[in-house]
Structure formats: structure tokens, C-alpha cells
């Protein structure tokens, strides 16, 4: 895998949160977080949640984790299978 690729900061957390008509405080409660800054940083892409928290987000937002982090998922898949790169 390439180590020189830029990290992707975008994600779909906010989109799916809003799609489910959830406020940040609702998601915080579902995921079990006390500090709103964590969710805010995840939504802005400034921080990536741990695997456990990403799975909790997936359950709370009723969305597969790979869709929450679709750009990262596509980048990983492209690095693993460059011959199948999406057009």
C-alpha cells in the first residue's frame, strides 16, 4: 500500500445524523460520549473515531460503517486492488 497518499478528512457522519433527524446530543447519548467536542471533531474530519466508537456510530445512525467513511473505504479498496480502480 502507498504511504504517500493524503489522508482523507471527509466522512458522512453529519449527513446520516441529519438524515435520521438526530441532534449531536442524541448521538452523544447513544454512543455514550460525554464531550460534544469528540463528535464535532469526527464530523469535521479533524479526528477519526476508534473502531469501537465507529461501530457505535454505525449502530446509532443505522448505517454501515463503510458508508460513514466512504471516501476512506474507497481509497483503501483502490490501494488494495489498483487494477479495479473505479472510473
Foldseek 3Di string as FASTA:
>chain_A
DDPPDDDDQAFCLVVLCVVVVHDLVQLCVQLVHDDSVVVVCNHRSVDPDDPSSLVSSCVSSVHDSCRRVVVVNLVVVCVVCVVPRDD
